[in-house]
Amino acid sequence: MSADIELQKALRARLVATPAVTALVPPSSIVDSHQRPSPAPGIVLGETQLVDEGTSLQRAHTRVYHTVHVWKREPSLQGVKAISAAIRGALAGNRLALGGGYHLVDLRISQARAMRDPDGETSHAVLTLNALVTS
């Protein structure tokens, strides 16, 4: 497996095991899927980018940028902001355990945006996770 797949699996496992997240989004709506419309409320584990950190000749350090989308049908942005805060809380503290021989060195949410969807009924938040992974 690759570092981004292992990170995504660990991320989903943490989110579905965190009561503060599942109180707002059912575990069955925390997905990696292209369905449209997205589940509302829902968390869609999205796009990734892998960048070689260039810190060693062994190429053992990879920076993984992972996008998480939050969706909710609501007239405001309050719900997606609450779900985003629950995700932030779920990732604080204990490091995610990665499989496949990978180790998570660092993880942070480097960006979070909340916006209104053009359909006029849906709110959307996009979180960018920045992870440093070694193999």
C-alpha atoms as a PDB file:
ATOM      1  CA  MET A   1       0.000   0.000   0.000  1.00  0.00           C
ATOM      2  CA  SER A   2       0.997   3.626  -0.236  1.00  0.00           C
ATOM      3  CA  ALA A   3       1.349   6.199   2.522  1.00  0.00           C
ATOM      4  CA  ASP A   4      -1.783   8.089   1.468  1.00  0.00           C
ATOM      5  CA  ILE A   5      -3.966   4.969   1.495  1.00  0.00           C
ATOM      6  CA  GLU A   6      -2.680   3.966   4.933  1.00  0.00           C
ATOM      7  CA  LEU A   7      -3.307   7.486   6.221  1.00  0.00           C
ATOM      8  CA  GLN A   8      -6.851   7.488   4.813  1.00  0.00           C
ATOM      9  CA  LYS A   9      -7.679   4.126   6.396  1.00  0.00           C
ATOM     10  CA  ALA A  10      -6.377   5.290   9.789  1.00  0.00           C
ATOM     11  CA  LEU A  11      -8.193   8.607   9.458  1.00  0.00           C
ATOM     12  CA  ARG A  12     -11.549   6.947   8.752  1.00  0.00           C
ATOM     13  CA  ALA A  13     -11.018   4.474  11.604  1.00  0.00           C
ATOM     14  CA  ARG A  14     -10.371   7.367  14.008  1.00  0.00           C
ATOM     15  CA  LEU A  15     -13.362   9.382  12.833  1.00  0.00           C
ATOM     16  CA  VAL A  16     -15.857   6.517  13.102  1.00  0.00           C
ATOM     17  CA  ALA A  17     -14.484   5.684  16.581  1.00  0.00           C
ATOM     18  CA  THR A  18     -14.873   9.251  17.894  1.00  0.00           C
ATOM     19  CA  PRO A  19     -18.264   9.873  19.560  1.00  0.00           C
ATOM     20  CA  ALA A  20     -18.035  13.652  19.034  1.00  0.00           C
ATOM     21  CA  VAL A  21     -17.834  13.033  15.267  1.00  0.00           C
ATOM     22  CA  THR A  22     -20.440  10.266  15.053  1.00  0.00           C
ATOM     23  CA  ALA A  23     -22.892  12.356  17.082  1.00  0.00           C
ATOM     24  CA  LEU A  24     -22.908  14.748  14.107  1.00  0.00           C
ATOM     25  CA  VAL A  25     -22.287  12.368  11.170  1.00  0.00           C
ATOM     26  CA  PRO A  26     -23.326   8.694  11.042  1.00  0.00           C
ATOM     27  CA  PRO A  27     -20.366   6.325  10.456  1.00  0.00           C
ATOM     28  CA  SER A  28     -22.005   5.113   7.223  1.00  0.00           C
ATOM     29  CA  SER A  29     -21.698   8.686   5.898  1.00  0.00           C
ATOM     30  CA  ILE A  30     -17.931   8.895   6.464  1.00  0.00           C
ATOM     31  CA  VAL A  31     -16.852   7.675   3.052  1.00  0.00           C
ATOM     32  CA  ASP A  32     -14.417   7.739   0.154  1.00  0.00           C
ATOM     33  CA  SER A  33     -16.916   8.115  -2.658  1.00  0.00           C
ATOM     34  CA  HIS A  34     -17.831  10.165  -5.725  1.00  0.00           C
ATOM     35  CA  GLN A  35     -21.548  10.084  -5.077  1.00  0.00           C
ATOM     36  CA  ARG A  36     -23.426  13.239  -5.866  1.00  0.00           C
ATOM     37  CA  PRO A  37     -25.116  14.615  -3.995  1.00  0.00           C
ATOM     38  CA  SER A  38     -22.774  13.855  -1.153  1.00  0.00           C
ATOM     39  CA  PRO A  39     -24.315  12.459   2.034  1.00  0.00           C
ATOM     40  CA  ALA A  40     -25.705  15.270   4.155  1.00  0.00           C
ATOM     41  CA  PRO A  41     -24.435  15.348   6.763  1.00  0.00           C
ATOM     42  CA  GLY A  42     -21.370  13.583   5.497  1.00  0.00           C
ATOM     43  CA  ILE A  43     -17.606  13.453   5.533  1.00  0.00           C
ATOM     44  CA  VAL A  44     -15.959  12.575   2.233  1.00  0.00           C
ATOM     45  CA  LEU A  45     -12.314  11.537   2.387  1.00  0.00           C
ATOM     46  CA  GLY A  46     -10.957  13.187  -0.673  1.00  0.00           C
ATOM     47  CA  GLU A  47      -7.980  13.943  -2.777  1.00  0.00           C
ATOM     48  CA  THR A  48      -4.352  13.390  -1.839  1.00  0.00           C
ATOM     49  CA  GLN A  49      -0.969  14.627  -2.940  1.00  0.00           C
ATOM     50  CA  LEU A  50       2.315  12.918  -2.054  1.00  0.00           C
ATOM     51  CA  VAL A  51       5.533  14.959  -1.983  1.00  0.00           C
ATOM     52  CA  ASP A  52       9.021  13.574  -1.351  1.00  0.00           C
ATOM     53  CA  GLU A  53      10.419  15.605   1.524  1.00  0.00           C
ATOM     54  CA  GLY A  54      13.972  15.204   0.206  1.00  0.00           C
ATOM     55  CA  THR A  55      15.393  14.886   3.715  1.00  0.00           C
ATOM     56  CA  SER A  56      17.339  11.687   3.101  1.00  0.00           C
ATOM     57  CA  LEU A  57      18.846   9.688   0.281  1.00  0.00           C
ATOM     58  CA  GLN A  58      16.639   6.764   1.332  1.00  0.00           C
ATOM     59  CA  ARG A  59      13.554   8.795   0.355  1.00  0.00           C
ATOM     60  CA  ALA A  60      11.933   7.631   3.570  1.00  0.00           C
ATOM     61  CA  HIS A  61       9.987  10.836   4.326  1.00  0.00           C
ATOM     62  CA  THR A  62       6.824  11.675   2.425  1.00  0.00           C
ATOM     63  CA  ARG A  63       4.558  14.676   2.946  1.00  0.00           C
ATOM     64  CA  VAL A  64       0.922  13.715   2.417  1.00  0.00           C
ATOM     65  CA  TYR A  65      -1.661  16.413   1.791  1.00  0.00           C
ATOM     66  CA  HIS A  66      -5.109  14.903   2.296  1.00  0.00           C
ATOM     67  CA  THR A  67      -8.375  16.740   1.652  1.00  0.00           C
ATOM     68  CA  VAL A  68     -11.482  16.097   3.762  1.00  0.00           C
ATOM     69  CA  HIS A  69     -14.851  17.446   2.612  1.00  0.00           C
ATOM     70  CA  VAL A  70     -17.724  18.054   5.033  1.00  0.00           C
ATOM     71  CA  TRP A  71     -21.286  18.409   3.733  1.00  0.00           C
ATOM     72  CA  LYS A  72     -24.539  19.331   5.433  1.00  0.00           C
ATOM     73  CA  ARG A  73     -27.925  20.571   4.270  1.00  0.00           C
ATOM     74  CA  GLU A  74     -28.479  23.702   6.317  1.00  0.00           C
ATOM     75  CA  PRO A  75     -29.213  27.405   5.872  1.00  0.00           C
ATOM     76  CA  SER A  76     -25.981  28.461   7.625  1.00  0.00           C
ATOM     77  CA  LEU A  77     -22.377  27.298   8.006  1.00  0.00           C
ATOM     78  CA  GLN A  78     -22.800  26.400  11.675  1.00  0.00           C
ATOM     79  CA  GLY A  79     -23.152  22.637  11.152  1.00  0.00           C
ATOM     80  CA  VAL A  80     -20.117  22.169   8.894  1.00  0.00           C
ATOM     81  CA  LYS A  81     -18.054  24.270  11.287  1.00  0.00           C
ATOM     82  CA  ALA A  82     -19.157  22.062  14.209  1.00  0.00           C
ATOM     83  CA  ILE A  83     -18.294  18.895  12.267  1.00  0.00           C
ATOM     84  CA  SER A  84     -14.921  20.398  11.293  1.00  0.00           C
ATOM     85  CA  ALA A  85     -14.214  21.167  14.957  1.00  0.00           C
ATOM     86  CA  ALA A  86     -15.118  17.572  15.899  1.00  0.00           C
ATOM     87  CA  ILE A  87     -12.694  16.283  13.245  1.00  0.00           C
ATOM     88  CA  ARG A  88      -9.966  18.577  14.604  1.00  0.00           C
ATOM     89  CA  GLY A  89     -10.630  17.239  18.105  1.00  0.00           C
ATOM     90  CA  ALA A  90     -10.551  13.621  16.903  1.00  0.00           C
ATOM     91  CA  LEU A  91      -7.097  14.157  15.405  1.00  0.00           C
ATOM     92  CA  ALA A  92      -5.644  15.970  18.420  1.00  0.00           C
ATOM     93  CA  GLY A  93      -3.620  13.978  20.910  1.00  0.00           C
ATOM     94  CA  ASN A  94      -2.811  10.363  20.063  1.00  0.00           C
ATOM     95  CA  ARG A  95      -1.138   9.771  16.714  1.00  0.00           C
ATOM     96  CA  LEU A  96      -2.880   7.686  14.106  1.00  0.00           C
ATOM     97  CA  ALA A  97      -1.483   4.170  13.775  1.00  0.00           C
ATOM     98  CA  LEU A  98      -0.612   3.478  10.147  1.00  0.00           C
ATOM     99  CA  GLY A  99      -0.245   0.039   8.594  1.00  0.00           C
ATOM    100  CA  GLY A 100       1.945  -1.101   5.745  1.00  0.00           C
ATOM    101  CA  GLY A 101       5.219  -0.334   7.497  1.00  0.00           C
ATOM    102  CA  TYR A 102       4.508   3.417   7.661  1.00  0.00           C
ATOM    103  CA  HIS A 103       4.850   5.670  10.712  1.00  0.00           C
ATOM    104  CA  LEU A 104       3.067   8.985  11.193  1.00  0.00           C
ATOM    105  CA  VAL A 105       5.593  11.576  12.337  1.00  0.00           C
ATOM    106  CA  ASP A 106       3.323  14.614  12.357  1.00  0.00           C
ATOM    107  CA  LEU A 107      -0.260  15.513  11.444  1.00  0.00           C
ATOM    108  CA  ARG A 108      -1.984  18.857  11.439  1.00  0.00           C
ATOM    109  CA  ILE A 109      -4.913  20.535   9.772  1.00  0.00           C
ATOM    110  CA  SER A 110      -3.140  23.208   7.781  1.00  0.00           C
ATOM    111  CA  GLN A 111      -6.253  24.784   6.287  1.00  0.00           C
ATOM    112  CA  ALA A 112     -10.013  24.782   6.853  1.00  0.00           C
ATOM    113  CA  ARG A 113     -12.594  26.617   4.761  1.00  0.00           C
ATOM    114  CA  ALA A 114     -16.370  26.769   5.167  1.00  0.00           C
ATOM    115  CA  MET A 115     -18.511  27.856   2.226  1.00  0.00           C
ATOM    116  CA  ARG A 116     -22.012  27.827   0.833  1.00  0.00           C
ATOM    117  CA  ASP A 117     -22.706  25.464  -2.062  1.00  0.00           C
ATOM    118  CA  PRO A 118     -24.191  27.076  -5.198  1.00  0.00           C
ATOM    119  CA  ASP A 119     -27.333  24.910  -4.806  1.00  0.00           C
ATOM    120  CA  GLY A 120     -28.475  27.289  -2.048  1.00  0.00           C
ATOM    121  CA  GLU A 121     -29.291  24.430   0.340  1.00  0.00           C
ATOM    122  CA  THR A 122     -25.956  22.889   1.248  1.00  0.00           C
ATOM    123  CA  SER A 123     -22.977  23.989   3.303  1.00  0.00           C
ATOM    124  CA  HIS A 124     -19.518  22.643   2.561  1.00  0.00           C
ATOM    125  CA  ALA A 125     -16.236  22.694   4.460  1.00  0.00           C
ATOM    126  CA  VAL A 126     -12.858  21.657   3.113  1.00  0.00           C
ATOM    127  CA  LEU A 127     -10.062  20.672   5.470  1.00  0.00           C
ATOM    128  CA  THR A 128      -6.512  20.078   4.285  1.00  0.00           C
ATOM    129  CA  LEU A 129      -4.504  17.682   6.406  1.00  0.00           C
ATOM    130  CA  ASN A 130      -0.741  17.916   6.259  1.00  0.00           C
ATOM    131  CA  ALA A 131       0.996  14.694   7.359  1.00  0.00           C
ATOM    132  CA  LEU A 132       4.629  13.684   7.497  1.00  0.00           C
ATOM    133  CA  VAL A 133       5.019   9.917   7.043  1.00  0.00           C
ATOM    134  CA  THR A 134       8.129   7.732   7.151  1.00  0.00           C
ATOM    135  CA  SER A 135       8.572   4.259   5.800  1.00  0.00           C
END
